[in-house]
Amino acid sequence: METELRTPRPEKVAVVDDVRSRLNSAAATIITEYRGLSVAQIQVLRRALVAAGGEYKVYKNTLVRRAAHDNGLESLDDLLDGPTALAFVTGDVSSVAKALKEFARTNPKLVVKGALVGGGLFDAAQTSALADLPPRDVLLAQIAAAFAAPLQAFAGLLGALPRKFAYGLAALIEQRGGVEPAASPVPAEAEVAEAEVSEPEAVADAPASVGEPVVADEAAPEEGSAAEPAEPEASDTAGE
């Protein structure tokens, strides 16, 4: 005998789709049990959660379980026992958790079972610890300050290094009796003048280079002119 499959009613399908969409878009989802709370008390809680950045919704467990399975959150089944209401967080998680904790102090019938935060499942103790965290803005400021402190210390260290080096160098110079004054350099103009004065003497006294022809004082005979023959000296014996 074939089992006839019942088609879910449209209103149930709509609720499942709504829960699945909220689970996907919420920053966190806190699961509570509201057994014994009056309608008036639930309305007060809803207003407190809206002010804290949350939204409080009451669903049937079967529909929440189906929506959770569609999102791969089968681990949520253990918390879906008894009258269940979900607090969807659209703002700061710690603010919503703190609002629930404050309400439960005067209304102990509200039970916080756990939370779904970033895909991870928190138990009741971990969810209660969320309420003790500072607000998101304060927490971010504290994290930024924790990162900035080492950078500021490092910048101060870099700034102190040149000062310490200068102090150490000054102490070393003082210990060794100071720095001897350097000899005054000869001005460039004086060097040029001295070179101009000594240059002629150096040229006059310099010997002729080896192999350099020596120029005679007398003019050399022109090329092509014959030298006159020397006259013979008169002989004392001429005519003898």
C-alpha atoms as a PDB file:
ATOM      1  CA  MET A   1       0.000   0.000   0.000  1.00  0.00           C
ATOM      2  CA  GLU A   2       1.536   3.281  -1.064  1.00  0.00           C
ATOM      3  CA  THR A   3       1.883   6.056   1.491  1.00  0.00           C
ATOM      4  CA  GLU A   4       0.266   9.230   0.373  1.00  0.00           C
ATOM      5  CA  LEU A   5       2.608  12.231   0.715  1.00  0.00           C
ATOM      6  CA  ARG A   6       0.920  15.259   2.175  1.00  0.00           C
ATOM      7  CA  THR A   7       1.727  18.565   0.571  1.00  0.00           C
ATOM      8  CA  PRO A   8       2.696  21.215   3.157  1.00  0.00           C
ATOM      9  CA  ARG A   9       0.232  24.001   3.506  1.00  0.00           C
ATOM     10  CA  PRO A  10       1.294  27.308   1.938  1.00  0.00           C
ATOM     11  CA  GLU A  11       1.273  29.119   5.258  1.00  0.00           C
ATOM     12  CA  LYS A  12       3.722  26.591   6.734  1.00  0.00           C
ATOM     13  CA  VAL A  13       5.958  26.874   3.692  1.00  0.00           C
ATOM     14  CA  ALA A  14       5.944  30.639   4.130  1.00  0.00           C
ATOM     15  CA  VAL A  15       6.945  30.333   7.791  1.00  0.00           C
ATOM     16  CA  VAL A  16       9.782  27.933   6.966  1.00  0.00           C
ATOM     17  CA  ASP A  17      11.041  30.301   4.273  1.00  0.00           C
ATOM     18  CA  ASP A  18      10.855  33.208   6.713  1.00  0.00           C
ATOM     19  CA  VAL A  19      12.832  31.373   9.404  1.00  0.00           C
ATOM     20  CA  ARG A  20      15.429  30.175   6.895  1.00  0.00           C
ATOM     21  CA  SER A  21      15.892  33.713   5.546  1.00  0.00           C
ATOM     22  CA  ARG A  22      16.255  35.183   9.033  1.00  0.00           C
ATOM     23  CA  LEU A  23      18.780  32.545  10.066  1.00  0.00           C
ATOM     24  CA  ASN A  24      20.875  33.425   7.015  1.00  0.00           C
ATOM     25  CA  SER A  25      20.748  37.190   7.396  1.00  0.00           C
ATOM     26  CA  ALA A  26      20.958  37.588  11.187  1.00  0.00           C
ATOM     27  CA  ALA A  27      24.290  38.350  12.838  1.00  0.00           C
ATOM     28  CA  ALA A  28      23.293  35.843  15.528  1.00  0.00           C
ATOM     29  CA  THR A  29      20.224  33.945  16.691  1.00  0.00           C
ATOM     30  CA  ILE A  30      19.542  33.362  20.386  1.00  0.00           C
ATOM     31  CA  ILE A  31      17.211  30.477  21.229  1.00  0.00           C
ATOM     32  CA  THR A  32      14.944  30.914  24.265  1.00  0.00           C
ATOM     33  CA  GLU A  33      12.086  29.144  26.001  1.00  0.00           C
ATOM     34  CA  TYR A  34       9.232  31.398  27.099  1.00  0.00           C
ATOM     35  CA  ARG A  35       7.085  28.869  28.990  1.00  0.00           C
ATOM     36  CA  GLY A  36       4.956  30.600  31.633  1.00  0.00           C
ATOM     37  CA  LEU A  37       5.413  34.151  30.309  1.00  0.00           C
ATOM     38  CA  SER A  38       2.277  36.179  29.703  1.00  0.00           C
ATOM     39  CA  VAL A  39       1.502  37.985  26.484  1.00  0.00           C
ATOM     40  CA  ALA A  40       2.139  41.305  28.203  1.00  0.00           C
ATOM     41  CA  GLN A  41       5.550  40.160  29.423  1.00  0.00           C
ATOM     42  CA  ILE A  42       6.511  38.971  25.948  1.00  0.00           C
ATOM     43  CA  GLN A  43       5.521  42.358  24.552  1.00  0.00           C
ATOM     44  CA  VAL A  44       7.783  44.093  27.088  1.00  0.00           C
ATOM     45  CA  LEU A  45      10.640  41.773  26.118  1.00  0.00           C
ATOM     46  CA  ARG A  46      10.079  42.430  22.427  1.00  0.00           C
ATOM     47  CA  ARG A  47      10.314  46.200  22.924  1.00  0.00           C
ATOM     48  CA  ALA A  48      13.528  45.801  24.941  1.00  0.00           C
ATOM     49  CA  LEU A  49      15.094  43.648  22.232  1.00  0.00           C
ATOM     50  CA  VAL A  50      14.115  46.041  19.439  1.00  0.00           C
ATOM     51  CA  ALA A  51      15.863  48.840  21.337  1.00  0.00           C
ATOM     52  CA  ALA A  52      18.959  46.621  21.676  1.00  0.00           C
ATOM     53  CA  GLY A  53      19.026  45.694  17.986  1.00  0.00           C
ATOM     54  CA  GLY A  54      17.075  42.426  17.957  1.00  0.00           C
ATOM     55  CA  GLU A  55      13.726  40.946  16.975  1.00  0.00           C
ATOM     56  CA  TYR A  56      11.808  38.375  19.010  1.00  0.00           C
ATOM     57  CA  LYS A  57       9.740  35.759  17.132  1.00  0.00           C
ATOM     58  CA  VAL A  58       7.696  32.760  18.337  1.00  0.00           C
ATOM     59  CA  TYR A  59       7.614  29.668  16.067  1.00  0.00           C
ATOM     60  CA  LYS A  60       6.643  26.025  16.193  1.00  0.00           C
ATOM     61  CA  ASN A  61       9.596  23.740  16.730  1.00  0.00           C
ATOM     62  CA  THR A  62       8.802  21.572  13.692  1.00  0.00           C
ATOM     63  CA  LEU A  63       8.964  24.561  11.357  1.00  0.00           C
ATOM     64  CA  VAL A  64      12.161  25.912  12.921  1.00  0.00           C
ATOM     65  CA  ARG A  65      13.730  22.467  12.693  1.00  0.00           C
ATOM     66  CA  ARG A  66      12.854  22.188   9.003  1.00  0.00           C
ATOM     67  CA  ALA A  67      14.305  25.598   8.250  1.00  0.00           C
ATOM     68  CA  ALA A  68      17.455  24.776  10.233  1.00  0.00           C
ATOM     69  CA  HIS A  69      17.919  21.524   8.297  1.00  0.00           C
ATOM     70  CA  ASP A  70      17.589  23.410   5.022  1.00  0.00           C
ATOM     71  CA  ASN A  71      20.506  25.586   6.183  1.00  0.00           C
ATOM     72  CA  GLY A  72      22.581  22.605   7.342  1.00  0.00           C
ATOM     73  CA  LEU A  73      22.042  23.384  11.045  1.00  0.00           C
ATOM     74  CA  GLU A  74      20.977  19.974  12.312  1.00  0.00           C
ATOM     75  CA  SER A  75      22.840  20.655  15.586  1.00  0.00           C
ATOM     76  CA  LEU A  76      20.097  23.129  16.465  1.00  0.00           C
ATOM     77  CA  ASP A  77      17.660  20.269  17.105  1.00  0.00           C
ATOM     78  CA  ASP A  78      18.849  19.762  20.706  1.00  0.00           C
ATOM     79  CA  LEU A  79      17.723  23.285  21.632  1.00  0.00           C
ATOM     80  CA  LEU A  80      14.279  23.016  20.041  1.00  0.00           C
ATOM     81  CA  ASP A  81      12.400  21.596  23.003  1.00  0.00           C
ATOM     82  CA  GLY A  82       9.371  23.238  24.611  1.00  0.00           C
ATOM     83  CA  PRO A  83       7.816  26.596  23.628  1.00  0.00           C
ATOM     84  CA  THR A  84      10.565  28.209  21.555  1.00  0.00           C
ATOM     85  CA  ALA A  85      11.125  31.823  20.607  1.00  0.00           C
ATOM     86  CA  LEU A  86      14.067  33.081  18.569  1.00  0.00           C
ATOM     87  CA  ALA A  87      15.787  36.411  19.095  1.00  0.00           C
ATOM     88  CA  PHE A  88      17.269  37.423  15.733  1.00  0.00           C
ATOM     89  CA  VAL A  89      20.127  39.869  16.180  1.00  0.00           C
ATOM     90  CA  THR A  90      20.352  42.649  13.616  1.00  0.00           C
ATOM     91  CA  GLY A  91      22.667  44.898  15.642  1.00  0.00           C
ATOM     92  CA  ASP A  92      25.154  44.167  18.406  1.00  0.00           C
ATOM     93  CA  VAL A  93      25.115  40.583  19.718  1.00  0.00           C
ATOM     94  CA  SER A  94      26.260  41.499  23.211  1.00  0.00           C
ATOM     95  CA  SER A  95      23.559  44.184  23.534  1.00  0.00           C
ATOM     96  CA  VAL A  96      20.773  41.716  22.697  1.00  0.00           C
ATOM     97  CA  ALA A  97      22.243  39.056  24.990  1.00  0.00           C
ATOM     98  CA  LYS A  98      22.464  41.642  27.769  1.00  0.00           C
ATOM     99  CA  ALA A  99      18.807  42.661  27.260  1.00  0.00           C
ATOM    100  CA  LEU A 100      17.706  39.023  27.554  1.00  0.00           C
ATOM    101  CA  LYS A 101      19.810  38.534  30.676  1.00  0.00           C
ATOM    102  CA  GLU A 102      18.417  41.661  32.320  1.00  0.00           C
ATOM    103  CA  PHE A 103      14.835  40.585  31.550  1.00  0.00           C
ATOM    104  CA  ALA A 104      15.466  37.085  32.931  1.00  0.00           C
ATOM    105  CA  ARG A 105      16.557  38.528  36.289  1.00  0.00           C
ATOM    106  CA  THR A 106      13.045  39.794  36.989  1.00  0.00           C
ATOM    107  CA  ASN A 107      11.323  37.120  34.900  1.00  0.00           C
ATOM    108  CA  PRO A 108      13.041  33.806  35.656  1.00  0.00           C
ATOM    109  CA  LYS A 109      10.590  31.893  33.461  1.00  0.00           C
ATOM    110  CA  LEU A 110      12.524  33.110  30.446  1.00  0.00           C
ATOM    111  CA  VAL A 111      15.241  30.542  29.760  1.00  0.00           C
ATOM    112  CA  VAL A 112      18.130  31.253  27.375  1.00  0.00           C
ATOM    113  CA  LYS A 113      19.165  27.913  25.879  1.00  0.00           C
ATOM    114  CA  GLY A 114      21.920  28.845  23.481  1.00  0.00           C
ATOM    115  CA  ALA A 115      22.849  30.880  20.429  1.00  0.00           C
ATOM    116  CA  LEU A 116      23.910  30.510  16.838  1.00  0.00           C
ATOM    117  CA  VAL A 117      26.794  32.927  16.223  1.00  0.00           C
ATOM    118  CA  GLY A 118      28.713  32.960  12.947  1.00  0.00           C
ATOM    119  CA  GLY A 119      27.708  29.394  12.109  1.00  0.00           C
ATOM    120  CA  GLY A 120      28.851  28.124  15.524  1.00  0.00           C
ATOM    121  CA  LEU A 121      26.516  26.873  18.238  1.00  0.00           C
ATOM    122  CA  PHE A 122      26.918  28.342  21.748  1.00  0.00           C
ATOM    123  CA  ASP A 123      25.510  26.693  24.850  1.00  0.00           C
ATOM    124  CA  ALA A 124      23.664  28.539  27.632  1.00  0.00           C
ATOM    125  CA  ALA A 125      26.823  29.461  29.567  1.00  0.00           C
ATOM    126  CA  GLN A 126      28.594  30.793  26.483  1.00  0.00           C
ATOM    127  CA  THR A 127      25.512  32.778  25.488  1.00  0.00           C
ATOM    128  CA  SER A 128      25.352  34.290  28.966  1.00  0.00           C
ATOM    129  CA  ALA A 129      29.018  35.280  28.625  1.00  0.00           C
ATOM    130  CA  LEU A 130      28.119  37.255  25.500  1.00  0.00           C
ATOM    131  CA  ALA A 131      26.119  39.600  27.725  1.00  0.00           C
ATOM    132  CA  ASP A 132      29.276  40.433  29.700  1.00  0.00           C
ATOM    133  CA  LEU A 133      31.146  41.623  26.629  1.00  0.00           C
ATOM    134  CA  PRO A 134      31.422  45.375  25.992  1.00  0.00           C
ATOM    135  CA  PRO A 135      29.425  46.852  23.105  1.00  0.00           C
ATOM    136  CA  ARG A 136      30.787  46.352  19.609  1.00  0.00           C
ATOM    137  CA  ASP A 137      32.101  49.914  19.238  1.00  0.00           C
ATOM    138  CA  VAL A 138      33.879  49.760  22.590  1.00  0.00           C
ATOM    139  CA  LEU A 139      35.305  46.330  21.789  1.00  0.00           C
ATOM    140  CA  LEU A 140      36.653  47.532  18.428  1.00  0.00           C
ATOM    141  CA  ALA A 141      38.214  50.548  20.122  1.00  0.00           C
ATOM    142  CA  GLN A 142      39.898  48.286  22.678  1.00  0.00           C
ATOM    143  CA  ILE A 143      41.246  46.017  19.926  1.00  0.00           C
ATOM    144  CA  ALA A 144      42.538  49.022  17.985  1.00  0.00           C
ATOM    145  CA  ALA A 145      44.225  50.350  21.128  1.00  0.00           C
ATOM    146  CA  ALA A 146      45.825  46.952  21.745  1.00  0.00           C
ATOM    147  CA  PHE A 147      47.279  46.982  18.227  1.00  0.00           C
ATOM    148  CA  ALA A 148      48.340  50.640  18.430  1.00  0.00           C
ATOM    149  CA  ALA A 149      50.191  50.327  21.741  1.00  0.00           C
ATOM    150  CA  PRO A 150      53.107  48.194  20.393  1.00  0.00           C
ATOM    151  CA  LEU A 151      53.371  50.463  17.342  1.00  0.00           C
ATOM    152  CA  GLN A 152      53.572  53.564  19.535  1.00  0.00           C
ATOM    153  CA  ALA A 153      56.208  51.916  21.720  1.00  0.00           C
ATOM    154  CA  PHE A 154      58.205  50.945  18.622  1.00  0.00           C
ATOM    155  CA  ALA A 155      57.973  54.496  17.254  1.00  0.00           C
ATOM    156  CA  GLY A 156      59.176  55.856  20.600  1.00  0.00           C
ATOM    157  CA  LEU A 157      62.106  53.417  20.533  1.00  0.00           C
ATOM    158  CA  LEU A 158      63.096  54.548  17.047  1.00  0.00           C
ATOM    159  CA  GLY A 159      62.907  58.179  18.160  1.00  0.00           C
ATOM    160  CA  ALA A 160      65.059  57.489  21.227  1.00  0.00           C
ATOM    161  CA  LEU A 161      67.845  55.726  19.306  1.00  0.00           C
ATOM    162  CA  PRO A 162      69.331  58.872  17.669  1.00  0.00           C
ATOM    163  CA  ARG A 163      69.218  60.759  20.989  1.00  0.00           C
ATOM    164  CA  LYS A 164      70.931  57.932  22.863  1.00  0.00           C
ATOM    165  CA  PHE A 165      73.532  57.614  20.121  1.00  0.00           C
ATOM    166  CA  ALA A 166      74.273  61.354  20.282  1.00  0.00           C
ATOM    167  CA  TYR A 167      74.599  61.265  24.086  1.00  0.00           C
ATOM    168  CA  GLY A 168      76.911  58.265  23.909  1.00  0.00           C
ATOM    169  CA  LEU A 169      79.063  59.869  21.240  1.00  0.00           C
ATOM    170  CA  ALA A 170      79.361  63.100  23.231  1.00  0.00           C
ATOM    171  CA  ALA A 171      80.350  61.161  26.363  1.00  0.00           C
ATOM    172  CA  LEU A 172      83.014  59.222  24.437  1.00  0.00           C
ATOM    173  CA  ILE A 173      84.492  62.413  22.992  1.00  0.00           C
ATOM    174  CA  GLU A 174      84.579  64.041  26.423  1.00  0.00           C
ATOM    175  CA  GLN A 175      86.226  60.943  27.924  1.00  0.00           C
ATOM    176  CA  ARG A 176      89.014  61.073  25.341  1.00  0.00           C
ATOM    177  CA  GLY A 177      89.755  64.725  25.962  1.00  0.00           C
ATOM    178  CA  GLY A 178      87.722  66.278  23.216  1.00  0.00           C
ATOM    179  CA  VAL A 179      88.354  66.543  19.509  1.00  0.00           C
ATOM    180  CA  GLU A 180      91.707  67.964  18.269  1.00  0.00           C
ATOM    181  CA  PRO A 181      91.240  70.947  15.982  1.00  0.00           C
ATOM    182  CA  ALA A 182      91.993  70.101  12.410  1.00  0.00           C
ATOM    183  CA  ALA A 183      94.803  72.006  10.549  1.00  0.00           C
ATOM    184  CA  SER A 184      93.543  74.951   8.584  1.00  0.00           C
ATOM    185  CA  PRO A 185      93.581  74.075   4.917  1.00  0.00           C
ATOM    186  CA  VAL A 186      95.528  76.348   2.515  1.00  0.00           C
ATOM    187  CA  PRO A 187      93.062  78.491   0.618  1.00  0.00           C
ATOM    188  CA  ALA A 188      92.724  77.564  -2.988  1.00  0.00           C
ATOM    189  CA  GLU A 189      93.616  81.113  -4.113  1.00  0.00           C
ATOM    190  CA  ALA A 190      96.940  80.985  -2.218  1.00  0.00           C
ATOM    191  CA  GLU A 191      97.806  77.672  -3.848  1.00  0.00           C
ATOM    192  CA  VAL A 192      97.144  79.116  -7.306  1.00  0.00           C
ATOM    193  CA  ALA A 193      99.282  82.204  -6.582  1.00  0.00           C
ATOM    194  CA  GLU A 194     102.176  80.101  -5.301  1.00  0.00           C
ATOM    195  CA  ALA A 195     102.027  77.913  -8.391  1.00  0.00           C
ATOM    196  CA  GLU A 196     102.146  80.985 -10.685  1.00  0.00           C
ATOM    197  CA  VAL A 197     105.272  82.357  -8.923  1.00  0.00           C
ATOM    198  CA  SER A 198     107.255  79.127  -8.922  1.00  0.00           C
ATOM    199  CA  GLU A 199     106.365  78.049 -12.467  1.00  0.00           C
ATOM    200  CA  PRO A 200     108.881  80.327 -14.403  1.00  0.00           C
ATOM    201  CA  GLU A 201     111.807  79.318 -12.170  1.00  0.00           C
ATOM    202  CA  ALA A 202     110.992  75.694 -12.723  1.00  0.00           C
ATOM    203  CA  VAL A 203     111.006  76.245 -16.484  1.00  0.00           C
ATOM    204  CA  ALA A 204     114.281  78.193 -16.470  1.00  0.00           C
ATOM    205  CA  ASP A 205     116.168  75.721 -14.339  1.00  0.00           C
ATOM    206  CA  ALA A 206     114.880  72.652 -16.079  1.00  0.00           C
ATOM    207  CA  PRO A 207     117.540  70.918 -18.228  1.00  0.00           C
ATOM    208  CA  ALA A 208     116.911  70.151 -21.833  1.00  0.00           C
ATOM    209  CA  SER A 209     115.245  66.911 -22.434  1.00  0.00           C
ATOM    210  CA  VAL A 210     117.316  64.057 -23.732  1.00  0.00           C
ATOM    211  CA  GLY A 211     117.163  63.879 -27.485  1.00  0.00           C
ATOM    212  CA  GLU A 212     115.847  67.437 -27.900  1.00  0.00           C
ATOM    213  CA  PRO A 213     117.884  69.299 -30.553  1.00  0.00           C
ATOM    214  CA  VAL A 214     119.932  72.250 -29.382  1.00  0.00           C
ATOM    215  CA  VAL A 215     119.427  75.425 -31.394  1.00  0.00           C
ATOM    216  CA  ALA A 216     122.721  77.215 -32.323  1.00  0.00           C
ATOM    217  CA  ASP A 217     123.124  80.918 -31.789  1.00  0.00           C
ATOM    218  CA  GLU A 218     124.499  81.545 -35.295  1.00  0.00           C
ATOM    219  CA  ALA A 219     122.271  81.254 -38.230  1.00  0.00           C
ATOM    220  CA  ALA A 220     122.892  78.161 -40.332  1.00  0.00           C
ATOM    221  CA  PRO A 221     123.979  78.705 -43.959  1.00  0.00           C
ATOM    222  CA  GLU A 222     121.228  78.732 -46.434  1.00  0.00           C
ATOM    223  CA  GLU A 223     120.670  75.552 -48.341  1.00  0.00           C
ATOM    224  CA  GLY A 224     122.399  75.574 -51.757  1.00  0.00           C
ATOM    225  CA  SER A 225     125.041  78.246 -51.016  1.00  0.00           C
ATOM    226  CA  ALA A 226     128.661  76.989 -51.446  1.00  0.00           C
ATOM    227  CA  ALA A 227     131.185  77.729 -48.837  1.00  0.00           C
ATOM    228  CA  GLU A 228     134.012  80.035 -49.973  1.00  0.00           C
ATOM    229  CA  PRO A 229     137.363  78.250 -50.200  1.00  0.00           C
ATOM    230  CA  ALA A 230     139.858  79.461 -47.706  1.00  0.00           C
ATOM    231  CA  GLU A 231     142.812  81.498 -49.137  1.00  0.00           C
ATOM    232  CA  PRO A 232     146.158  79.780 -48.890  1.00  0.00           C
ATOM    233  CA  GLU A 233     148.484  81.360 -46.442  1.00  0.00           C
ATOM    234  CA  ALA A 234     151.452  83.148 -47.965  1.00  0.00           C
ATOM    235  CA  SER A 235     154.458  80.994 -47.848  1.00  0.00           C
ATOM    236  CA  ASP A 236     157.758  82.466 -46.729  1.00  0.00           C
ATOM    237  CA  THR A 237     159.484  80.398 -49.369  1.00  0.00           C
ATOM    238  CA  ALA A 238     157.596  81.828 -52.309  1.00  0.00           C
ATOM    239  CA  GLY A 239     159.837  83.042 -55.056  1.00  0.00           C
ATOM    240  CA  GLU A 240     162.724  81.135 -53.818  1.00  0.00           C
END
